Amino acid sequence: QVQLVESGGGLVQAGGSLRLSCVASGSFVSINYMGWYRQAPGKQRELVAAITRGDSTNYADSVKGRFTISRDNAKNTVYLQMNSLKPEDTCVYYCMVVVTGINYWGQGTQVTVSS
């Protein structure tokens, strides 16, 4: 079993920055895939950014050049640095990790960007 705890969400003005963190704990040896997803009311959850244990990254087109995903394997933590935030980035952001082929999700953290 894997538990995920997210932090770092909040209210920020357009153009501002936030840094999300997600710490994984539980019974596992290593985590291959770690990612951030987001979901707006009435919309499907979508990938924001993902990173593998080998530090290969993937970003949604809408956040390329503004968001940066990184991880600290020693701390089982994944980060999402969000710069130049826009009102359309307002969503609940979820951390997701894959351990032995099973997806685990965090509880979500709200990010609100005011115009």
PDB file of N, CA and C in Angstrom:
ATOM      1  N   GLN A   1       0.846  -1.199   0.000  1.00  0.00           N
ATOM      2  CA  GLN A   1       0.000   0.000   0.000  1.00  0.00           C
ATOM      3  C   GLN A   1       0.881   1.248   0.000  1.00  0.00           C
ATOM      4  N   VAL A   2       0.419   2.260  -0.728  1.00  0.00           N
ATOM      5  CA  VAL A   2       1.167   3.504  -0.847  1.00  0.00           C
ATOM      6  C   VAL A   2       0.245   4.660  -0.464  1.00  0.00           C
ATOM      7  N   GLN A   3       0.762   5.553   0.347  1.00  0.00           N
ATOM      8  CA  GLN A   3       0.020   6.751   0.719  1.00  0.00           C
ATOM      9  C   GLN A   3       0.727   7.969   0.130  1.00  0.00           C
ATOM     10  N   LEU A   4      -0.079   8.901  -0.346  1.00  0.00           N
ATOM     11  CA  LEU A   4       0.452  10.122  -0.945  1.00  0.00           C
ATOM     12  C   LEU A   4      -0.112  11.330  -0.211  1.00  0.00           C
ATOM     13  N   VAL A   5       0.766  12.252   0.130  1.00  0.00           N
ATOM     14  CA  VAL A   5       0.338  13.485   0.792  1.00  0.00           C
ATOM     15  C   VAL A   5       0.830  14.667  -0.033  1.00  0.00           C
ATOM     16  N   GLU A   6      -0.122  15.457  -0.511  1.00  0.00           N
ATOM     17  CA  GLU A   6       0.200  16.618  -1.336  1.00  0.00           C
ATOM     18  C   GLU A   6       0.160  17.889  -0.499  1.00  0.00           C
ATOM     19  N   SER A   7       0.926  18.861  -0.936  1.00  0.00           N
ATOM     20  CA  SER A   7       0.905  20.164  -0.281  1.00  0.00           C
ATOM     21  C   SER A   7       1.349  21.223  -1.278  1.00  0.00           C
ATOM     22  N   GLY A   8       1.094  22.482  -0.921  1.00  0.00           N
ATOM     23  CA  GLY A   8       1.586  23.587  -1.733  1.00  0.00           C
ATOM     24  C   GLY A   8       0.549  24.321  -2.541  1.00  0.00           C
ATOM     25  N   GLY A   9      -0.679  23.832  -2.562  1.00  0.00           N
ATOM     26  CA  GLY A   9      -1.708  24.538  -3.305  1.00  0.00           C
ATOM     27  C   GLY A   9      -2.113  25.822  -2.603  1.00  0.00           C
ATOM     28  N   GLY A  10      -2.945  26.619  -3.281  1.00  0.00           N
ATOM     29  CA  GLY A  10      -3.402  27.850  -2.674  1.00  0.00           C
ATOM     30  C   GLY A  10      -3.920  28.829  -3.699  1.00  0.00           C
ATOM     31  N   LEU A  11      -4.039  30.076  -3.257  1.00  0.00           N
ATOM     32  CA  LEU A  11      -4.538  31.157  -4.099  1.00  0.00           C
ATOM     33  C   LEU A  11      -3.366  32.048  -4.501  1.00  0.00           C
ATOM     34  N   VAL A  12      -3.286  32.352  -5.788  1.00  0.00           N
ATOM     35  CA  VAL A  12      -2.201  33.184  -6.287  1.00  0.00           C
ATOM     36  C   VAL A  12      -2.741  34.055  -7.416  1.00  0.00           C
ATOM     37  N   GLN A  13      -2.139  35.201  -7.594  1.00  0.00           N
ATOM     38  CA  GLN A  13      -2.533  36.076  -8.697  1.00  0.00           C
ATOM     39  C   GLN A  13      -1.923  35.581 -10.006  1.00  0.00           C
ATOM     40  N   ALA A  14      -2.564  35.927 -11.098  1.00  0.00           N
ATOM     41  CA  ALA A  14      -2.034  35.579 -12.410  1.00  0.00           C
ATOM     42  C   ALA A  14      -0.615  36.115 -12.550  1.00  0.00           C
ATOM     43  N   GLY A  15       0.243  35.266 -13.119  1.00  0.00           N
ATOM     44  CA  GLY A  15       1.651  35.616 -13.241  1.00  0.00           C
ATOM     45  C   GLY A  15       2.504  35.134 -12.091  1.00  0.00           C
ATOM     46  N   GLY A  16       1.853  34.693 -11.040  1.00  0.00           N
ATOM     47  CA  GLY A  16       2.572  34.231  -9.863  1.00  0.00           C
ATOM     48  C   GLY A  16       3.038  32.799  -9.975  1.00  0.00           C
ATOM     49  N   SER A  17       3.596  32.296  -8.874  1.00  0.00           N
ATOM     50  CA  SER A  17       4.170  30.952  -8.846  1.00  0.00           C
ATOM     51  C   SER A  17       3.701  30.184  -7.625  1.00  0.00           C
ATOM     52  N   LEU A  18       3.654  28.887  -7.770  1.00  0.00           N
ATOM     53  CA  LEU A  18       3.405  27.971  -6.670  1.00  0.00           C
ATOM     54  C   LEU A  18       4.258  26.725  -6.883  1.00  0.00           C
ATOM     55  N   ARG A  19       4.575  26.058  -5.781  1.00  0.00           N
ATOM     56  CA  ARG A  19       5.303  24.794  -5.857  1.00  0.00           C
ATOM     57  C   ARG A  19       4.523  23.729  -5.111  1.00  0.00           C
ATOM     58  N   LEU A  20       4.116  22.710  -5.840  1.00  0.00           N
ATOM     59  CA  LEU A  20       3.412  21.577  -5.243  1.00  0.00           C
ATOM     60  C   LEU A  20       4.416  20.489  -4.867  1.00  0.00           C
ATOM     61  N   SER A  21       4.127  19.814  -3.773  1.00  0.00           N
ATOM     62  CA  SER A  21       4.940  18.679  -3.335  1.00  0.00           C
ATOM     63  C   SER A  21       4.038  17.490  -3.066  1.00  0.00           C
ATOM     64  N   CYS A  22       4.569  16.308  -3.287  1.00  0.00           N
ATOM     65  CA  CYS A  22       3.831  15.073  -3.005  1.00  0.00           C
ATOM     66  C   CYS A  22       4.817  14.065  -2.440  1.00  0.00           C
ATOM     67  N   VAL A  23       4.555  13.639  -1.217  1.00  0.00           N
ATOM     68  CA  VAL A  23       5.416  12.669  -0.540  1.00  0.00           C
ATOM     69  C   VAL A  23       4.723  11.321  -0.507  1.00  0.00           C
ATOM     70  N   ALA A  24       5.443  10.304  -0.943  1.00  0.00           N
ATOM     71  CA  ALA A  24       4.917   8.935  -0.930  1.00  0.00           C
ATOM     72  C   ALA A  24       5.501   8.158   0.238  1.00  0.00           C
ATOM     73  N   SER A  25       4.640   7.382   0.872  1.00  0.00           N
ATOM     74  CA  SER A  25       5.097   6.521   1.965  1.00  0.00           C
ATOM     75  C   SER A  25       4.376   5.191   1.876  1.00  0.00           C
ATOM     76  N   GLY A  26       4.963   4.184   2.537  1.00  0.00           N
ATOM     77  CA  GLY A  26       4.331   2.863   2.532  1.00  0.00           C
ATOM     78  C   GLY A  26       5.330   1.775   2.205  1.00  0.00           C
ATOM     79  N   SER A  27       4.795   0.654   1.772  1.00  0.00           N
ATOM     80  CA  SER A  27       5.619  -0.526   1.512  1.00  0.00           C
ATOM     81  C   SER A  27       5.965  -0.620   0.027  1.00  0.00           C
ATOM     82  N   PHE A  28       7.093  -0.116  -0.323  1.00  0.00           N
ATOM     83  CA  PHE A  28       7.570  -0.225  -1.692  1.00  0.00           C
ATOM     84  C   PHE A  28       9.075  -0.049  -1.701  1.00  0.00           C
ATOM     85  N   VAL A  29       9.696  -0.538  -2.774  1.00  0.00           N
ATOM     86  CA  VAL A  29      11.149  -0.423  -2.907  1.00  0.00           C
ATOM     87  C   VAL A  29      11.496   0.824  -3.706  1.00  0.00           C
ATOM     88  N   SER A  30      10.778   1.011  -4.798  1.00  0.00           N
ATOM     89  CA  SER A  30      11.050   2.177  -5.629  1.00  0.00           C
ATOM     90  C   SER A  30       9.792   2.550  -6.398  1.00  0.00           C
ATOM     91  N   ILE A  31       9.779   3.761  -6.881  1.00  0.00           N
ATOM     92  CA  ILE A  31       8.659   4.272  -7.669  1.00  0.00           C
ATOM     93  C   ILE A  31       9.173   4.616  -9.053  1.00  0.00           C
ATOM     94  N   ASN A  32       8.597   4.011 -10.062  1.00  0.00           N
ATOM     95  CA  ASN A  32       9.054   4.305 -11.408  1.00  0.00           C
ATOM     96  C   ASN A  32       8.454   5.603 -11.907  1.00  0.00           C
ATOM     97  N   TYR A  33       7.153   5.658 -11.948  1.00  0.00           N
ATOM     98  CA  TYR A  33       6.461   6.782 -12.574  1.00  0.00           C
ATOM     99  C   TYR A  33       5.825   7.655 -11.504  1.00  0.00           C
ATOM    100  N   MET A  34       6.038   8.971 -11.641  1.00  0.00           N
ATOM    101  CA  MET A  34       5.384   9.931 -10.744  1.00  0.00           C
ATOM    102  C   MET A  34       4.816  11.049 -11.620  1.00  0.00           C
ATOM    103  N   GLY A  35       3.626  11.464 -11.324  1.00  0.00           N
ATOM    104  CA  GLY A  35       3.020  12.471 -12.180  1.00  0.00           C
ATOM    105  C   GLY A  35       2.069  13.375 -11.446  1.00  0.00           C
ATOM    106  N   TRP A  36       1.760  14.482 -12.087  1.00  0.00           N
ATOM    107  CA  TRP A  36       0.758  15.431 -11.613  1.00  0.00           C
ATOM    108  C   TRP A  36      -0.356  15.514 -12.658  1.00  0.00           C
ATOM    109  N   TYR A  37      -1.571  15.448 -12.175  1.00  0.00           N
ATOM    110  CA  TYR A  37      -2.750  15.567 -13.019  1.00  0.00           C
ATOM    111  C   TYR A  37      -3.608  16.687 -12.439  1.00  0.00           C
ATOM    112  N   ARG A  38      -4.545  17.160 -13.232  1.00  0.00           N
ATOM    113  CA  ARG A  38      -5.453  18.172 -12.720  1.00  0.00           C
ATOM    114  C   ARG A  38      -6.849  17.966 -13.299  1.00  0.00           C
ATOM    115  N   GLN A  39      -7.807  18.462 -12.540  1.00  0.00           N
ATOM    116  CA  GLN A  39      -9.196  18.301 -12.946  1.00  0.00           C
ATOM    117  C   GLN A  39      -9.983  19.540 -12.562  1.00  0.00           C
ATOM    118  N   ALA A  40     -10.638  20.123 -13.543  1.00  0.00           N
ATOM    119  CA  ALA A  40     -11.530  21.260 -13.312  1.00  0.00           C
ATOM    120  C   ALA A  40     -12.958  20.728 -13.191  1.00  0.00           C
ATOM    121  N   PRO A  41     -13.839  21.449 -12.531  1.00  0.00           N
ATOM    122  CA  PRO A  41     -15.229  21.004 -12.376  1.00  0.00           C
ATOM    123  C   PRO A  41     -15.878  20.706 -13.717  1.00  0.00           C
ATOM    124  N   GLY A  42     -16.475  19.534 -13.826  1.00  0.00           N
ATOM    125  CA  GLY A  42     -17.163  19.152 -15.050  1.00  0.00           C
ATOM    126  C   GLY A  42     -16.270  18.690 -16.176  1.00  0.00           C
ATOM    127  N   LYS A  43     -14.974  18.590 -15.919  1.00  0.00           N
ATOM    128  CA  LYS A  43     -14.042  18.170 -16.966  1.00  0.00           C
ATOM    129  C   LYS A  43     -13.308  16.906 -16.545  1.00  0.00           C
ATOM    130  N   GLN A  44     -12.712  16.251 -17.531  1.00  0.00           N
ATOM    131  CA  GLN A  44     -11.942  15.050 -17.238  1.00  0.00           C
ATOM    132  C   GLN A  44     -10.594  15.404 -16.619  1.00  0.00           C
ATOM    133  N   ARG A  45     -10.089  14.474 -15.840  1.00  0.00           N
ATOM    134  CA  ARG A  45      -8.760  14.652 -15.285  1.00  0.00           C
ATOM    135  C   ARG A  45      -7.752  14.556 -16.416  1.00  0.00           C
ATOM    136  N   GLU A  46      -6.750  15.435 -16.390  1.00  0.00           N
ATOM    137  CA  GLU A  46      -5.764  15.460 -17.464  1.00  0.00           C
ATOM    138  C   GLU A  46      -4.353  15.466 -16.908  1.00  0.00           C
ATOM    139  N   LEU A  47      -3.449  14.912 -17.683  1.00  0.00           N
ATOM    140  CA  LEU A  47      -2.040  14.909 -17.304  1.00  0.00           C
ATOM    141  C   LEU A  47      -1.484  16.321 -17.403  1.00  0.00           C
ATOM    142  N   VAL A  48      -0.755  16.716 -16.384  1.00  0.00           N
ATOM    143  CA  VAL A  48      -0.026  17.987 -16.401  1.00  0.00           C
ATOM    144  C   VAL A  48       1.441  17.722 -16.722  1.00  0.00           C
ATOM    145  N   ALA A  49       2.056  16.836 -15.944  1.00  0.00           N
ATOM    146  CA  ALA A  49       3.472  16.524 -16.135  1.00  0.00           C
ATOM    147  C   ALA A  49       3.761  15.196 -15.476  1.00  0.00           C
ATOM    148  N   ALA A  50       4.755  14.497 -16.002  1.00  0.00           N
ATOM    149  CA  ALA A  50       5.146  13.213 -15.442  1.00  0.00           C
ATOM    150  C   ALA A  50       6.652  13.053 -15.544  1.00  0.00           C
ATOM    151  N   ILE A  51       7.184  12.212 -14.660  1.00  0.00           N
ATOM    152  CA  ILE A  51       8.622  11.977 -14.636  1.00  0.00           C
ATOM    153  C   ILE A  51       8.874  10.527 -14.241  1.00  0.00           C
ATOM    154  N   THR A  52       9.821   9.909 -14.932  1.00  0.00           N
ATOM    155  CA  THR A  52      10.181   8.533 -14.607  1.00  0.00           C
ATOM    156  C   THR A  52      11.371   8.523 -13.646  1.00  0.00           C
ATOM    157  N   ARG A  53      11.696   7.326 -13.174  1.00  0.00           N
ATOM    158  CA  ARG A  53      12.818   7.214 -12.241  1.00  0.00           C
ATOM    159  C   ARG A  53      14.125   7.639 -12.916  1.00  0.00           C
ATOM    160  N   GLY A  54      14.174   7.490 -14.228  1.00  0.00           N
ATOM    161  CA  GLY A  54      15.348   7.910 -14.991  1.00  0.00           C
ATOM    162  C   GLY A  54      15.312   9.374 -15.386  1.00  0.00           C
ATOM    163  N   ASP A  55      14.351  10.124 -14.846  1.00  0.00           N
ATOM    164  CA  ASP A  55      14.214  11.559 -15.061  1.00  0.00           C
ATOM    165  C   ASP A  55      13.755  11.944 -16.465  1.00  0.00           C
ATOM    166  N   SER A  56      13.155  11.019 -17.184  1.00  0.00           N
ATOM    167  CA  SER A  56      12.480  11.399 -18.426  1.00  0.00           C
ATOM    168  C   SER A  56      11.186  12.106 -18.064  1.00  0.00           C
ATOM    169  N   THR A  57      10.912  13.213 -18.743  1.00  0.00           N
ATOM    170  CA  THR A  57       9.737  14.014 -18.403  1.00  0.00           C
ATOM    171  C   THR A  57       8.792  14.151 -19.587  1.00  0.00           C
ATOM    172  N   ASN A  58       7.552  14.442 -19.256  1.00  0.00           N
ATOM    173  CA  ASN A  58       6.522  14.663 -20.261  1.00  0.00           C
ATOM    174  C   ASN A  58       5.600  15.752 -19.736  1.00  0.00           C
ATOM    175  N   TYR A  59       5.232  16.697 -20.596  1.00  0.00           N
ATOM    176  CA  TYR A  59       4.398  17.822 -20.178  1.00  0.00           C
ATOM    177  C   TYR A  59       3.210  17.991 -21.118  1.00  0.00           C
ATOM    178  N   ALA A  60       2.117  18.454 -20.568  1.00  0.00           N
ATOM    179  CA  ALA A  60       1.005  18.888 -21.399  1.00  0.00           C
ATOM    180  C   ALA A  60       1.441  20.139 -22.161  1.00  0.00           C
ATOM    181  N   ASP A  61       0.958  20.273 -23.382  1.00  0.00           N
ATOM    182  CA  ASP A  61       1.345  21.428 -24.194  1.00  0.00           C
ATOM    183  C   ASP A  61       1.012  22.750 -23.499  1.00  0.00           C
ATOM    184  N   SER A  62      -0.074  22.756 -22.755  1.00  0.00           N
ATOM    185  CA  SER A  62      -0.555  23.990 -22.133  1.00  0.00           C
ATOM    186  C   SER A  62       0.356  24.501 -21.016  1.00  0.00           C
ATOM    187  N   VAL A  63       1.256  23.649 -20.527  1.00  0.00           N
ATOM    188  CA  VAL A  63       2.120  24.073 -19.420  1.00  0.00           C
ATOM    189  C   VAL A  63       3.601  24.086 -19.779  1.00  0.00           C
ATOM    190  N   LYS A  64       3.926  23.652 -20.974  1.00  0.00           N
ATOM    191  CA  LYS A  64       5.340  23.622 -21.386  1.00  0.00           C
ATOM    192  C   LYS A  64       5.950  25.024 -21.303  1.00  0.00           C
ATOM    193  N   GLY A  65       7.139  25.084 -20.730  1.00  0.00           N
ATOM    194  CA  GLY A  65       7.821  26.359 -20.573  1.00  0.00           C
ATOM    195  C   GLY A  65       7.433  27.118 -19.317  1.00  0.00           C
ATOM    196  N   ARG A  66       6.375  26.675 -18.647  1.00  0.00           N
ATOM    197  CA  ARG A  66       5.923  27.346 -17.419  1.00  0.00           C
ATOM    198  C   ARG A  66       6.049  26.457 -16.189  1.00  0.00           C
ATOM    199  N   PHE A  67       5.800  25.183 -16.346  1.00  0.00           N
ATOM    200  CA  PHE A  67       5.837  24.231 -15.229  1.00  0.00           C
ATOM    201  C   PHE A  67       7.065  23.329 -15.361  1.00  0.00           C
ATOM    202  N   THR A  68       7.598  22.934 -14.221  1.00  0.00           N
ATOM    203  CA  THR A  68       8.719  22.005 -14.184  1.00  0.00           C
ATOM    204  C   THR A  68       8.464  20.934 -13.147  1.00  0.00           C
ATOM    205  N   ILE A  69       8.550  19.678 -13.579  1.00  0.00           N
ATOM    206  CA  ILE A  69       8.409  18.562 -12.655  1.00  0.00           C
ATOM    207  C   ILE A  69       9.789  18.047 -12.282  1.00  0.00           C
ATOM    208  N   SER A  70       9.943  17.660 -11.024  1.00  0.00           N
ATOM    209  CA  SER A  70      11.206  17.088 -10.569  1.00  0.00           C
ATOM    210  C   SER A  70      10.895  16.099  -9.456  1.00  0.00           C
ATOM    211  N   ARG A  71      11.882  15.303  -9.093  1.00  0.00           N
ATOM    212  CA  ARG A  71      11.686  14.305  -8.043  1.00  0.00           C
ATOM    213  C   ARG A  71      12.946  14.144  -7.230  1.00  0.00           C
ATOM    214  N   ASP A  72      12.759  13.730  -5.992  1.00  0.00           N
ATOM    215  CA  ASP A  72      13.847  13.398  -5.085  1.00  0.00           C
ATOM    216  C   ASP A  72      13.609  11.960  -4.658  1.00  0.00           C
ATOM    217  N   ASN A  73      14.335  11.040  -5.261  1.00  0.00           N
ATOM    218  CA  ASN A  73      14.095   9.616  -4.996  1.00  0.00           C
ATOM    219  C   ASN A  73      14.418   9.243  -3.544  1.00  0.00           C
ATOM    220  N   ALA A  74      15.388   9.901  -2.963  1.00  0.00           N
ATOM    221  CA  ALA A  74      15.744   9.610  -1.576  1.00  0.00           C
ATOM    222  C   ALA A  74      14.606   9.968  -0.622  1.00  0.00           C
ATOM    223  N   LYS A  75      13.820  10.959  -1.001  1.00  0.00           N
ATOM    224  CA  LYS A  75      12.697  11.404  -0.164  1.00  0.00           C
ATOM    225  C   LYS A  75      11.350  10.913  -0.686  1.00  0.00           C
ATOM    226  N   ASN A  76      11.363  10.137  -1.763  1.00  0.00           N
ATOM    227  CA  ASN A  76      10.114   9.657  -2.373  1.00  0.00           C
ATOM    228  C   ASN A  76       9.140  10.802  -2.613  1.00  0.00           C
ATOM    229  N   THR A  77       9.660  11.869  -3.147  1.00  0.00           N
ATOM    230  CA  THR A  77       8.890  13.095  -3.317  1.00  0.00           C
ATOM    231  C   THR A  77       8.954  13.570  -4.760  1.00  0.00           C
ATOM    232  N   VAL A  78       7.819  14.059  -5.239  1.00  0.00           N
ATOM    233  CA  VAL A  78       7.760  14.671  -6.551  1.00  0.00           C
ATOM    234  C   VAL A  78       7.271  16.101  -6.372  1.00  0.00           C
ATOM    235  N   TYR A  79       7.831  16.993  -7.173  1.00  0.00           N
ATOM    236  CA  TYR A  79       7.504  18.411  -7.088  1.00  0.00           C
ATOM    237  C   TYR A  79       6.950  18.899  -8.420  1.00  0.00           C
ATOM    238  N   LEU A  80       6.169  19.945  -8.347  1.00  0.00           N
ATOM    239  CA  LEU A  80       5.724  20.636  -9.550  1.00  0.00           C
ATOM    240  C   LEU A  80       5.890  22.130  -9.312  1.00  0.00           C
ATOM    241  N   GLN A  81       6.883  22.701  -9.966  1.00  0.00           N
ATOM    242  CA  GLN A  81       7.090  24.135  -9.894  1.00  0.00           C
ATOM    243  C   GLN A  81       6.250  24.787 -10.986  1.00  0.00           C
ATOM    244  N   MET A  82       5.351  25.662 -10.583  1.00  0.00           N
ATOM    245  CA  MET A  82       4.422  26.289 -11.518  1.00  0.00           C
ATOM    246  C   MET A  82       4.692  27.788 -11.551  1.00  0.00           C
ATOM    247  N   ASN A  83       5.140  28.268 -12.683  1.00  0.00           N
ATOM    248  CA  ASN A  83       5.429  29.690 -12.874  1.00  0.00           C
ATOM    249  C   ASN A  83       4.474  30.280 -13.906  1.00  0.00           C
ATOM    250  N   SER A  84       4.423  31.600 -13.927  1.00  0.00           N
ATOM    251  CA  SER A  84       3.568  32.311 -14.895  1.00  0.00           C
ATOM    252  C   SER A  84       2.156  31.733 -14.916  1.00  0.00           C
ATOM    253  N   LEU A  85       1.604  31.554 -13.754  1.00  0.00           N
ATOM    254  CA  LEU A  85       0.289  30.930 -13.647  1.00  0.00           C
ATOM    255  C   LEU A  85      -0.795  31.794 -14.292  1.00  0.00           C
ATOM    256  N   LYS A  86      -1.771  31.096 -14.868  1.00  0.00           N
ATOM    257  CA  LYS A  86      -2.880  31.732 -15.562  1.00  0.00           C
ATOM    258  C   LYS A  86      -4.191  31.323 -14.896  1.00  0.00           C
ATOM    259  N   PRO A  87      -5.235  32.131 -15.036  1.00  0.00           N
ATOM    260  CA  PRO A  87      -6.531  31.740 -14.448  1.00  0.00           C
ATOM    261  C   PRO A  87      -7.006  30.365 -14.919  1.00  0.00           C
ATOM    262  N   GLU A  88      -6.675  30.001 -16.143  1.00  0.00           N
ATOM    263  CA  GLU A  88      -7.097  28.691 -16.653  1.00  0.00           C
ATOM    264  C   GLU A  88      -6.332  27.530 -16.022  1.00  0.00           C
ATOM    265  N   ASP A  89      -5.329  27.811 -15.227  1.00  0.00           N
ATOM    266  CA  ASP A  89      -4.643  26.762 -14.471  1.00  0.00           C
ATOM    267  C   ASP A  89      -5.395  26.403 -13.184  1.00  0.00           C
ATOM    268  N   THR A  90      -6.443  27.130 -12.887  1.00  0.00           N
ATOM    269  CA  THR A  90      -7.231  26.855 -11.689  1.00  0.00           C
ATOM    270  C   THR A  90      -7.865  25.479 -11.782  1.00  0.00           C
ATOM    271  N   CYS A  91      -7.515  24.606 -10.841  1.00  0.00           N
ATOM    272  CA  CYS A  91      -7.957  23.212 -10.852  1.00  0.00           C
ATOM    273  C   CYS A  91      -7.614  22.592  -9.505  1.00  0.00           C
ATOM    274  N   VAL A  92      -8.114  21.398  -9.308  1.00  0.00           N
ATOM    275  CA  VAL A  92      -7.581  20.540  -8.258  1.00  0.00           C
ATOM    276  C   VAL A  92      -6.454  19.718  -8.886  1.00  0.00           C
ATOM    277  N   TYR A  93      -5.306  19.729  -8.239  1.00  0.00           N
ATOM    278  CA  TYR A  93      -4.134  19.029  -8.753  1.00  0.00           C
ATOM    279  C   TYR A  93      -3.920  17.755  -7.935  1.00  0.00           C
ATOM    280  N   TYR A  94      -3.712  16.652  -8.645  1.00  0.00           N
ATOM    281  CA  TYR A  94      -3.551  15.349  -8.016  1.00  0.00           C
ATOM    282  C   TYR A  94      -2.179  14.774  -8.351  1.00  0.00           C
ATOM    283  N   CYS A  95      -1.571  14.197  -7.349  1.00  0.00           N
ATOM    284  CA  CYS A  95      -0.337  13.447  -7.528  1.00  0.00           C
ATOM    285  C   CYS A  95      -0.708  11.994  -7.820  1.00  0.00           C
ATOM    286  N   MET A  96       0.042  11.357  -8.701  1.00  0.00           N
ATOM    287  CA  MET A  96      -0.180   9.938  -8.993  1.00  0.00           C
ATOM    288  C   MET A  96       1.163   9.253  -9.143  1.00  0.00           C
ATOM    289  N   VAL A  97       1.284   8.083  -8.533  1.00  0.00           N
ATOM    290  CA  VAL A  97       2.497   7.280  -8.684  1.00  0.00           C
ATOM    291  C   VAL A  97       2.109   5.866  -9.087  1.00  0.00           C
ATOM    292  N   VAL A  98       3.047   5.200  -9.733  1.00  0.00           N
ATOM    293  CA  VAL A  98       2.846   3.810 -10.134  1.00  0.00           C
ATOM    294  C   VAL A  98       3.866   2.959  -9.399  1.00  0.00           C
ATOM    295  N   VAL A  99       3.367   2.002  -8.630  1.00  0.00           N
ATOM    296  CA  VAL A  99       4.220   1.080  -7.890  1.00  0.00           C
ATOM    297  C   VAL A  99       3.774  -0.327  -8.223  1.00  0.00           C
ATOM    298  N   THR A 100       4.705  -1.125  -8.758  1.00  0.00           N
ATOM    299  CA  THR A 100       4.434  -2.508  -9.196  1.00  0.00           C
ATOM    300  C   THR A 100       3.143  -2.588 -10.009  1.00  0.00           C
ATOM    301  N   GLY A 101       3.021  -1.658 -10.941  1.00  0.00           N
ATOM    302  CA  GLY A 101       1.897  -1.693 -11.870  1.00  0.00           C
ATOM    303  C   GLY A 101       0.580  -1.176 -11.347  1.00  0.00           C
ATOM    304  N   ILE A 102       0.549  -0.673 -10.132  1.00  0.00           N
ATOM    305  CA  ILE A 102      -0.689  -0.164  -9.543  1.00  0.00           C
ATOM    306  C   ILE A 102      -0.599   1.355  -9.424  1.00  0.00           C
ATOM    307  N   ASN A 103      -1.672   2.033  -9.818  1.00  0.00           N
ATOM    308  CA  ASN A 103      -1.742   3.494  -9.707  1.00  0.00           C
ATOM    309  C   ASN A 103      -2.277   3.889  -8.341  1.00  0.00           C
ATOM    310  N   TYR A 104      -1.588   4.826  -7.724  1.00  0.00           N
ATOM    311  CA  TYR A 104      -2.031   5.385  -6.452  1.00  0.00           C
ATOM    312  C   TYR A 104      -2.193   6.895  -6.627  1.00  0.00           C
ATOM    313  N   TRP A 105      -3.271   7.414  -6.043  1.00  0.00           N
ATOM    314  CA  TRP A 105      -3.604   8.831  -6.187  1.00  0.00           C
ATOM    315  C   TRP A 105      -3.597   9.532  -4.839  1.00  0.00           C
ATOM    316  N   GLY A 106      -3.190  10.803  -4.881  1.00  0.00           N
ATOM    317  CA  GLY A 106      -3.309  11.639  -3.710  1.00  0.00           C
ATOM    318  C   GLY A 106      -4.717  12.189  -3.581  1.00  0.00           C
ATOM    319  N   GLN A 107      -4.932  12.943  -2.512  1.00  0.00           N
ATOM    320  CA  GLN A 107      -6.273  13.446  -2.233  1.00  0.00           C
ATOM    321  C   GLN A 107      -6.590  14.720  -3.020  1.00  0.00           C
ATOM    322  N   GLY A 108      -5.589  15.326  -3.603  1.00  0.00           N
ATOM    323  CA  GLY A 108      -5.781  16.536  -4.393  1.00  0.00           C
ATOM    324  C   GLY A 108      -5.514  17.788  -3.587  1.00  0.00           C
ATOM    325  N   THR A 109      -5.028  18.799  -4.280  1.00  0.00           N
ATOM    326  CA  THR A 109      -4.795  20.096  -3.658  1.00  0.00           C
ATOM    327  C   THR A 109      -5.298  21.179  -4.619  1.00  0.00           C
ATOM    328  N   GLN A 110      -6.029  22.126  -4.078  1.00  0.00           N
ATOM    329  CA  GLN A 110      -6.655  23.150  -4.914  1.00  0.00           C
ATOM    330  C   GLN A 110      -5.653  24.242  -5.258  1.00  0.00           C
ATOM    331  N   VAL A 111      -5.620  24.585  -6.529  1.00  0.00           N
ATOM    332  CA  VAL A 111      -4.848  25.733  -7.004  1.00  0.00           C
ATOM    333  C   VAL A 111      -5.831  26.703  -7.648  1.00  0.00           C
ATOM    334  N   THR A 112      -5.832  27.935  -7.161  1.00  0.00           N
ATOM    335  CA  THR A 112      -6.720  28.955  -7.693  1.00  0.00           C
ATOM    336  C   THR A 112      -5.888  30.155  -8.128  1.00  0.00           C
ATOM    337  N   VAL A 113      -6.055  30.538  -9.387  1.00  0.00           N
ATOM    338  CA  VAL A 113      -5.311  31.662  -9.941  1.00  0.00           C
ATOM    339  C   VAL A 113      -6.303  32.774 -10.263  1.00  0.00           C
ATOM    340  N   SER A 114      -6.133  33.901  -9.608  1.00  0.00           N
ATOM    341  CA  SER A 114      -7.044  35.028  -9.822  1.00  0.00           C
ATOM    342  C   SER A 114      -6.502  35.953 -10.909  1.00  0.00           C
ATOM    343  N   SER A 115      -7.425  36.548 -11.634  1.00  0.00           N
ATOM    344  CA  SER A 115      -7.011  37.431 -12.740  1.00  0.00           C
ATOM    345  C   SER A 115      -6.859  38.867 -12.270  1.00  0.00           C
TER     346      SER A 115
END
